[in-house]
Amino acid sequence: MSSSLPNHATVRPANPEDLPAVMGLIHELAEYERAPEAVVNDAAQLEEDFLHHQAFELLVATVDNEVVGMSLFFPVYSTWKGRSTYLEDLYVQPEHRGKGLGYELLRQTAERARALGSARLHWQVLDWNTPSIAFYERLGAVVERDWYNCKLYLRPHPSRTP
């Protein structure tokens, strides 16, 4: 995986000043995934978890210094594979897709996962999101269709949650 971004675009680790824009991207992604009411996280919690708990790592894609995409990921452990990295969200605003930003976000996320000693990078994709499925498969990802997601909510949540 090698990068070929336009000159005015970059992918870099996020800083605290990026978090308001990232919160906006989270809401955009929820709209895209047809579940805007499912976002219960807020800017204060995002900042607390990023700065004080180091609960996740975050890369941002920028165009002309404006945040237009993100990759949010964190370490997990697989009893079968050992150390792994879970990619919670990969998102690029629709008007900036097709320019290599999603590819570069995923490439740098995979590079960071390797540096952490991860055996794999894994994530989920909605079954109706055929553009993303095609993108991931073009990159060589295996899209498994034989596992069900299970969630046990530990806090109140909206009835429809992704």
C-alpha atoms as a PDB file:
ATOM      1  CA  MET A   1       0.000   0.000   0.000  1.00  0.00           C
ATOM      2  CA  SER A   2       1.577   3.275  -1.039  1.00  0.00           C
ATOM      3  CA  SER A   3       0.151   6.763  -0.892  1.00  0.00           C
ATOM      4  CA  SER A   4      -0.626   9.195  -3.697  1.00  0.00           C
ATOM      5  CA  LEU A   5      -2.639  12.029  -2.166  1.00  0.00           C
ATOM      6  CA  PRO A   6      -3.223  15.372  -3.861  1.00  0.00           C
ATOM      7  CA  ASN A   7      -0.759  18.084  -2.767  1.00  0.00           C
ATOM      8  CA  HIS A   8      -3.326  19.915  -0.640  1.00  0.00           C
ATOM      9  CA  ALA A   9      -4.389  16.753   1.266  1.00  0.00           C
ATOM     10  CA  THR A  10      -2.797  14.975   4.196  1.00  0.00           C
ATOM     11  CA  VAL A  11      -3.425  12.176   6.684  1.00  0.00           C
ATOM     12  CA  ARG A  12      -1.960  12.665  10.131  1.00  0.00           C
ATOM     13  CA  PRO A  13      -2.489  11.809  13.805  1.00  0.00           C
ATOM     14  CA  ALA A  14      -5.266  13.898  15.312  1.00  0.00           C
ATOM     15  CA  ASN A  15      -4.682  16.592  17.885  1.00  0.00           C
ATOM     16  CA  PRO A  16      -7.142  17.997  20.440  1.00  0.00           C
ATOM     17  CA  GLU A  17      -8.067  20.888  18.130  1.00  0.00           C
ATOM     18  CA  ASP A  18      -9.409  18.339  15.600  1.00  0.00           C
ATOM     19  CA  LEU A  19     -11.964  16.836  17.987  1.00  0.00           C
ATOM     20  CA  PRO A  20     -14.897  19.205  17.234  1.00  0.00           C
ATOM     21  CA  ALA A  21     -14.556  18.406  13.522  1.00  0.00           C
ATOM     22  CA  VAL A  22     -14.268  14.690  14.341  1.00  0.00           C
ATOM     23  CA  MET A  23     -17.481  14.887  16.367  1.00  0.00           C
ATOM     24  CA  GLY A  24     -19.108  16.386  13.272  1.00  0.00           C
ATOM     25  CA  LEU A  25     -17.815  13.475  11.171  1.00  0.00           C
ATOM     26  CA  ILE A  26     -19.238  11.016  13.710  1.00  0.00           C
ATOM     27  CA  HIS A  27     -22.669  12.596  13.266  1.00  0.00           C
ATOM     28  CA  GLU A  28     -22.297  12.550   9.462  1.00  0.00           C
ATOM     29  CA  LEU A  29     -21.384   8.867   9.575  1.00  0.00           C
ATOM     30  CA  ALA A  30     -24.412   8.110  11.756  1.00  0.00           C
ATOM     31  CA  GLU A  31     -26.629   9.886   9.205  1.00  0.00           C
ATOM     32  CA  TYR A  32     -25.021   7.875   6.393  1.00  0.00           C
ATOM     33  CA  GLU A  33     -25.597   4.649   8.339  1.00  0.00           C
ATOM     34  CA  ARG A  34     -29.263   5.623   8.826  1.00  0.00           C
ATOM     35  CA  ALA A  35     -29.024   5.875  12.611  1.00  0.00           C
ATOM     36  CA  PRO A  36     -28.480   9.524  13.607  1.00  0.00           C
ATOM     37  CA  GLU A  37     -30.323   9.036  16.903  1.00  0.00           C
ATOM     38  CA  ALA A  38     -27.854   6.335  17.953  1.00  0.00           C
ATOM     39  CA  VAL A  39     -25.032   8.796  18.725  1.00  0.00           C
ATOM     40  CA  VAL A  40     -25.048   9.316  22.495  1.00  0.00           C
ATOM     41  CA  ASN A  41     -21.378  10.273  22.733  1.00  0.00           C
ATOM     42  CA  ASP A  42     -20.652  13.983  22.937  1.00  0.00           C
ATOM     43  CA  ALA A  43     -17.671  16.271  22.420  1.00  0.00           C
ATOM     44  CA  ALA A  44     -16.748  16.349  26.123  1.00  0.00           C
ATOM     45  CA  GLN A  45     -16.717  12.542  26.408  1.00  0.00           C
ATOM     46  CA  LEU A  46     -14.776  12.195  23.151  1.00  0.00           C
ATOM     47  CA  GLU A  47     -12.142  14.617  24.436  1.00  0.00           C
ATOM     48  CA  GLU A  48     -11.959  12.917  27.848  1.00  0.00           C
ATOM     49  CA  ASP A  49     -11.532   9.478  26.268  1.00  0.00           C
ATOM     50  CA  PHE A  50      -8.932  10.727  23.765  1.00  0.00           C
ATOM     51  CA  LEU A  51      -6.814  12.909  26.036  1.00  0.00           C
ATOM     52  CA  HIS A  52      -7.121  11.383  29.487  1.00  0.00           C
ATOM     53  CA  HIS A  53      -7.940   7.714  28.962  1.00  0.00           C
ATOM     54  CA  GLN A  54      -6.116   7.154  25.665  1.00  0.00           C
ATOM     55  CA  ALA A  55      -9.061   4.882  24.815  1.00  0.00           C
ATOM     56  CA  PHE A  56      -8.380   5.112  21.088  1.00  0.00           C
ATOM     57  CA  GLU A  57      -6.038   6.417  18.438  1.00  0.00           C
ATOM     58  CA  LEU A  58      -7.254   8.774  15.783  1.00  0.00           C
ATOM     59  CA  LEU A  59      -6.022   9.736  12.342  1.00  0.00           C
ATOM     60  CA  VAL A  60      -7.561  12.587  10.391  1.00  0.00           C
ATOM     61  CA  ALA A  61      -7.599  13.339   6.690  1.00  0.00           C
ATOM     62  CA  THR A  62      -7.410  17.004   5.801  1.00  0.00           C
ATOM     63  CA  VAL A  63      -7.900  18.972   2.609  1.00  0.00           C
ATOM     64  CA  ASP A  64      -6.630  22.544   2.708  1.00  0.00           C
ATOM     65  CA  ASN A  65      -6.218  22.091   6.486  1.00  0.00           C
ATOM     66  CA  GLU A  66      -9.912  21.190   6.961  1.00  0.00           C
ATOM     67  CA  VAL A  67     -10.699  17.813   8.582  1.00  0.00           C
ATOM     68  CA  VAL A  68     -12.696  15.787   6.047  1.00  0.00           C
ATOM     69  CA  GLY A  69     -12.112  12.201   7.185  1.00  0.00           C
ATOM     70  CA  MET A  70     -11.041  10.015  10.085  1.00  0.00           C
ATOM     71  CA  SER A  71      -9.906   6.619  11.239  1.00  0.00           C
ATOM     72  CA  LEU A  72     -10.611   5.759  14.889  1.00  0.00           C
ATOM     73  CA  PHE A  73      -9.055   2.525  16.171  1.00  0.00           C
ATOM     74  CA  PHE A  74      -7.818   0.783  19.314  1.00  0.00           C
ATOM     75  CA  PRO A  75      -6.045  -2.400  20.454  1.00  0.00           C
ATOM     76  CA  VAL A  76      -8.017  -5.543  21.241  1.00  0.00           C
ATOM     77  CA  TYR A  77      -7.023  -9.096  21.984  1.00  0.00           C
ATOM     78  CA  SER A  78      -8.006 -12.245  20.119  1.00  0.00           C
ATOM     79  CA  THR A  79      -7.589 -15.578  21.869  1.00  0.00           C
ATOM     80  CA  TRP A  80      -7.051 -17.115  18.429  1.00  0.00           C
ATOM     81  CA  LYS A  81      -4.757 -14.501  16.847  1.00  0.00           C
ATOM     82  CA  GLY A  82      -3.213 -12.570  19.749  1.00  0.00           C
ATOM     83  CA  ARG A  83      -2.857  -8.788  19.625  1.00  0.00           C
ATOM     84  CA  SER A  84      -5.176  -7.153  17.121  1.00  0.00           C
ATOM     85  CA  THR A  85      -6.440  -3.695  16.262  1.00  0.00           C
ATOM     86  CA  TYR A  86     -10.096  -2.845  15.882  1.00  0.00           C
ATOM     87  CA  LEU A  87     -11.040  -0.112  13.421  1.00  0.00           C
ATOM     88  CA  GLU A  88     -14.195   1.424  14.860  1.00  0.00           C
ATOM     89  CA  ASP A  89     -14.792   4.004  12.148  1.00  0.00           C
ATOM     90  CA  LEU A  90     -13.292   4.891   8.798  1.00  0.00           C
ATOM     91  CA  TYR A  91     -15.081   7.831   7.206  1.00  0.00           C
ATOM     92  CA  VAL A  92     -14.425  10.359   4.468  1.00  0.00           C
ATOM     93  CA  GLN A  93     -16.967  13.004   3.536  1.00  0.00           C
ATOM     94  CA  PRO A  94     -18.698  12.112   0.254  1.00  0.00           C
ATOM     95  CA  GLU A  95     -17.328  15.091  -1.676  1.00  0.00           C
ATOM     96  CA  HIS A  96     -13.759  14.018  -0.841  1.00  0.00           C
ATOM     97  CA  ARG A  97     -14.069  10.329  -1.735  1.00  0.00           C
ATOM     98  CA  GLY A  98     -12.220   8.854  -4.693  1.00  0.00           C
ATOM     99  CA  LYS A  99      -9.085  10.942  -4.058  1.00  0.00           C
ATOM    100  CA  GLY A 100      -7.116   8.396  -2.051  1.00  0.00           C
ATOM    101  CA  LEU A 101      -7.988   9.697   1.419  1.00  0.00           C
ATOM    102  CA  GLY A 102      -9.843   6.563   2.551  1.00  0.00           C
ATOM    103  CA  TYR A 103      -7.057   4.414   1.188  1.00  0.00           C
ATOM    104  CA  GLU A 104      -4.415   6.473   2.993  1.00  0.00           C
ATOM    105  CA  LEU A 105      -6.369   6.453   6.255  1.00  0.00           C
ATOM    106  CA  LEU A 106      -6.625   2.666   6.054  1.00  0.00           C
ATOM    107  CA  ARG A 107      -2.974   2.298   5.018  1.00  0.00           C
ATOM    108  CA  GLN A 108      -1.741   4.371   7.950  1.00  0.00           C
ATOM    109  CA  THR A 109      -4.107   2.590  10.341  1.00  0.00           C
ATOM    110  CA  ALA A 110      -2.714  -0.771   9.185  1.00  0.00           C
ATOM    111  CA  GLU A 111       0.837   0.566   9.523  1.00  0.00           C
ATOM    112  CA  ARG A 112       0.136   1.671  13.095  1.00  0.00           C
ATOM    113  CA  ALA A 113      -1.497  -1.698  13.886  1.00  0.00           C
ATOM    114  CA  ARG A 114       1.637  -3.470  12.620  1.00  0.00           C
ATOM    115  CA  ALA A 115       3.803  -1.213  14.790  1.00  0.00           C
ATOM    116  CA  LEU A 116       1.680  -2.216  17.794  1.00  0.00           C
ATOM    117  CA  GLY A 117       2.361  -5.876  17.005  1.00  0.00           C
ATOM    118  CA  SER A 118      -1.154  -6.630  15.812  1.00  0.00           C
ATOM    119  CA  ALA A 119      -1.771  -9.874  13.954  1.00  0.00           C
ATOM    120  CA  ARG A 120      -4.768  -8.348  12.199  1.00  0.00           C
ATOM    121  CA  LEU A 121      -6.810  -5.227  11.660  1.00  0.00           C
ATOM    122  CA  HIS A 122     -10.534  -5.872  11.712  1.00  0.00           C
ATOM    123  CA  TRP A 123     -13.742  -3.882  11.433  1.00  0.00           C
ATOM    124  CA  GLN A 124     -17.403  -4.136  10.505  1.00  0.00           C
ATOM    125  CA  VAL A 125     -19.328  -2.933   7.490  1.00  0.00           C
ATOM    126  CA  LEU A 126     -23.084  -2.797   7.035  1.00  0.00           C
ATOM    127  CA  ASP A 127     -24.369  -5.420   4.600  1.00  0.00           C
ATOM    128  CA  TRP A 128     -26.072  -2.777   2.414  1.00  0.00           C
ATOM    129  CA  ASN A 129     -22.954  -0.588   2.153  1.00  0.00           C
ATOM    130  CA  THR A 130     -21.835  -2.030  -1.170  1.00  0.00           C
ATOM    131  CA  PRO A 131     -19.463   0.845  -2.093  1.00  0.00           C
ATOM    132  CA  SER A 132     -17.476   0.284   1.098  1.00  0.00           C
ATOM    133  CA  ILE A 133     -17.546  -3.499   0.726  1.00  0.00           C
ATOM    134  CA  ALA A 134     -16.187  -3.171  -2.820  1.00  0.00           C
ATOM    135  CA  PHE A 135     -13.485  -0.729  -1.602  1.00  0.00           C
ATOM    136  CA  TYR A 136     -12.368  -3.113   1.153  1.00  0.00           C
ATOM    137  CA  GLU A 137     -12.345  -6.138  -1.140  1.00  0.00           C
ATOM    138  CA  ARG A 138     -10.283  -4.240  -3.755  1.00  0.00           C
ATOM    139  CA  LEU A 139      -7.699  -3.700  -1.012  1.00  0.00           C
ATOM    140  CA  GLY A 140      -7.623  -7.411  -0.226  1.00  0.00           C
ATOM    141  CA  ALA A 141      -9.787  -7.411   2.909  1.00  0.00           C
ATOM    142  CA  VAL A 142     -11.809 -10.516   3.663  1.00  0.00           C
ATOM    143  CA  VAL A 143     -15.467  -9.621   4.204  1.00  0.00           C
ATOM    144  CA  GLU A 144     -16.900 -12.362   6.405  1.00  0.00           C
ATOM    145  CA  ARG A 145     -20.577 -13.014   6.003  1.00  0.00           C
ATOM    146  CA  ASP A 146     -21.000 -15.785   8.561  1.00  0.00           C
ATOM    147  CA  TRP A 147     -20.754 -13.968  11.918  1.00  0.00           C
ATOM    148  CA  TYR A 148     -23.450 -12.088  13.846  1.00  0.00           C
ATOM    149  CA  ASN A 149     -22.756  -9.002  15.953  1.00  0.00           C
ATOM    150  CA  CYS A 150     -23.662  -9.235  19.634  1.00  0.00           C
ATOM    151  CA  LYS A 151     -23.865  -6.265  21.993  1.00  0.00           C
ATOM    152  CA  LEU A 152     -24.660  -5.976  25.675  1.00  0.00           C
ATOM    153  CA  TYR A 153     -25.383  -2.351  26.491  1.00  0.00           C
ATOM    154  CA  LEU A 154     -24.090  -1.128  29.848  1.00  0.00           C
ATOM    155  CA  ARG A 155     -25.573   2.374  29.622  1.00  0.00           C
ATOM    156  CA  PRO A 156     -28.947   3.681  28.429  1.00  0.00           C
ATOM    157  CA  HIS A 157     -29.099   3.934  24.654  1.00  0.00           C
ATOM    158  CA  PRO A 158     -31.541   4.690  21.858  1.00  0.00           C
ATOM    159  CA  SER A 159     -33.538   1.701  20.655  1.00  0.00           C
ATOM    160  CA  ARG A 160     -31.786   1.650  17.254  1.00  0.00           C
ATOM    161  CA  THR A 161     -28.057   1.572  17.714  1.00  0.00           C
ATOM    162  CA  PRO A 162     -25.446   0.567  15.126  1.00  0.00           C
END
